[in-house]
Protein backbone atom coordinates (compact mmCIF):
# COMPACT_ATOMS: atom_id res chain seq x y z
CA UNK A 1 93.73 144.65 104.16
CA UNK A 2 96.27 147.27 105.05
CA UNK A 3 98.71 148.48 102.41
CA UNK A 4 101.20 149.61 105.04
CA UNK A 5 103.46 146.64 104.28
CA UNK A 6 103.88 147.49 100.63
CA UNK A 7 104.69 151.19 100.96
CA UNK A 8 107.45 151.07 103.54
CA UNK A 9 110.86 152.56 102.94
CA UNK A 10 113.41 149.75 102.85
CA UNK A 11 116.19 150.20 105.38
CA UNK A 12 119.07 147.74 105.41
CA UNK A 13 120.64 147.38 108.85
CA UNK A 14 123.89 145.76 109.93
CA UNK A 15 123.51 142.18 111.13
CA UNK A 16 121.85 142.05 114.53
CA UNK A 17 122.75 139.02 116.66
CA UNK A 18 119.33 139.25 118.36
CA UNK A 19 117.48 138.26 115.16
CA UNK A 20 117.79 134.48 115.76
CA UNK A 21 116.61 134.95 119.37
CA UNK A 22 113.60 136.99 118.18
CA UNK A 23 112.75 134.19 115.76
CA UNK A 24 112.93 131.54 118.50
CA UNK A 25 110.64 133.58 120.78
CA UNK A 26 108.14 134.09 117.96
CA UNK A 27 108.32 130.40 116.99
CA UNK A 28 107.40 129.41 120.55
CA UNK A 29 104.42 131.78 120.53
CA UNK A 30 103.27 130.52 117.12
CA UNK A 31 103.58 126.87 118.15
CA UNK A 32 101.60 127.59 121.30
CA UNK A 33 98.84 129.36 119.35
CA UNK A 34 98.64 126.64 116.71
CA UNK A 35 98.50 123.80 119.26
CA UNK A 36 101.25 121.91 117.39
CA UNK A 37 99.32 120.87 114.29
CA UNK A 38 102.40 119.07 112.94
CA UNK A 39 103.65 122.29 111.38
CA UNK A 40 107.30 122.90 110.57
CA UNK A 41 108.49 126.43 111.42
CA UNK A 42 111.70 127.82 109.92
CA UNK A 43 113.55 131.13 110.08
CA UNK A 44 114.08 132.17 106.45
CA UNK A 45 115.27 135.24 104.60
CA UNK A 46 118.21 137.53 105.13
CA UNK A 47 117.85 137.85 108.94
CA UNK A 48 118.46 134.10 109.12
CA UNK A 49 121.95 134.45 107.61
CA UNK A 50 124.59 135.17 110.28
CA UNK A 51 126.62 138.28 109.50
CA UNK A 52 124.41 139.47 106.63
CA UNK A 53 122.99 143.00 106.64
CA UNK A 54 119.23 142.91 106.14
CA UNK A 55 115.84 144.55 106.53
CA UNK A 56 114.90 144.12 110.16
CA UNK A 57 112.02 141.77 109.33
CA UNK A 58 112.03 138.26 110.71
CA UNK A 59 110.69 136.08 107.89
CA UNK A 60 109.09 132.85 109.06
CA UNK A 61 107.98 129.93 106.89
CA UNK A 62 105.41 127.47 108.17
CA UNK A 63 105.36 124.13 106.39
CA UNK A 64 101.89 122.59 106.33
CA UNK A 65 100.34 119.43 104.87
CA UNK A 66 97.87 121.35 102.75
CA UNK A 67 96.29 124.76 102.26
CA UNK A 68 93.30 123.76 104.37
CA UNK A 69 95.68 123.53 107.34
CA UNK A 70 97.17 126.93 106.45
CA UNK A 71 93.71 128.46 106.22
CA UNK A 72 92.80 127.03 109.63
CA UNK A 73 95.93 128.58 111.15
CA UNK A 74 95.27 132.13 109.95
CA UNK A 75 92.69 133.06 112.64
CA UNK A 76 95.04 131.68 115.29
CA UNK A 77 97.91 133.84 114.02
CA UNK A 78 95.59 136.84 114.02
CA UNK A 79 95.19 136.38 117.79
CA UNK A 80 98.96 136.99 118.04
CA UNK A 81 98.73 140.27 116.12
CA UNK A 82 99.33 139.08 112.57
CA UNK A 83 97.23 140.34 109.67
CA UNK A 84 96.27 138.02 106.82
CA UNK A 85 97.40 139.51 103.49
CA UNK A 86 95.24 137.86 100.84
CA UNK A 87 96.44 140.22 98.08
CA UNK A 88 99.63 138.17 97.69
CA UNK A 89 97.66 135.08 96.67
CA UNK A 90 97.12 136.64 93.24
CA UNK A 91 100.78 135.99 92.44
CA UNK A 92 101.32 133.02 94.78
CA UNK A 93 98.03 131.08 94.94
CA UNK A 94 99.56 128.06 96.68
CA UNK A 95 100.75 130.16 99.64
CA UNK A 96 99.20 132.16 102.45
CA UNK A 97 100.81 135.24 104.00
CA UNK A 98 100.47 137.06 107.30
CA UNK A 99 102.31 140.19 108.37
CA UNK A 100 102.87 141.66 111.80
CA UNK A 101 100.06 144.16 112.26
CA UNK A 102 100.29 145.78 115.69
CA UNK A 103 102.82 147.35 118.01
CA UNK A 104 103.08 145.82 121.47
CA UNK A 105 105.80 145.39 124.09
CA UNK A 106 106.78 142.24 122.15
CA UNK A 107 107.10 144.22 118.91
CA UNK A 108 108.68 142.18 116.19
CA UNK A 109 108.38 143.04 112.55
CA UNK A 110 107.83 139.72 110.90
CA UNK A 111 106.12 138.00 108.05
CA UNK A 112 104.76 134.49 108.07
CA UNK A 113 104.16 132.50 104.94
CA UNK A 114 102.75 129.02 104.58
CA UNK A 115 104.02 126.50 102.08
CA UNK A 116 102.77 123.01 101.48
CA UNK A 117 105.34 120.35 102.35
CA UNK A 118 105.53 116.85 100.97
């Protein structure tokens, strides 16, 4: 696991009206990769709040039926360039986290977390 996500300098940027569009594009890619397993995908965090300055990281929450579903999704997210960050499970054992791992023409700095829904 890379530690690059935990040692970054935090830079707060003025609100960027492209953040919601970036989320929608990423949501479409994620849904396509996951073959619509009945997963709920939401834009969360400060970039989801219109007008709010924030770190330029698109936080995405995937609601799943159970952790088995989350675990099955991780390899599919890895095909999109996400890296599974198991170290966070120490503090949040009922969640799974992936972070954007590579730079491509579609570069988006995002994090994806899974949470069980009822």
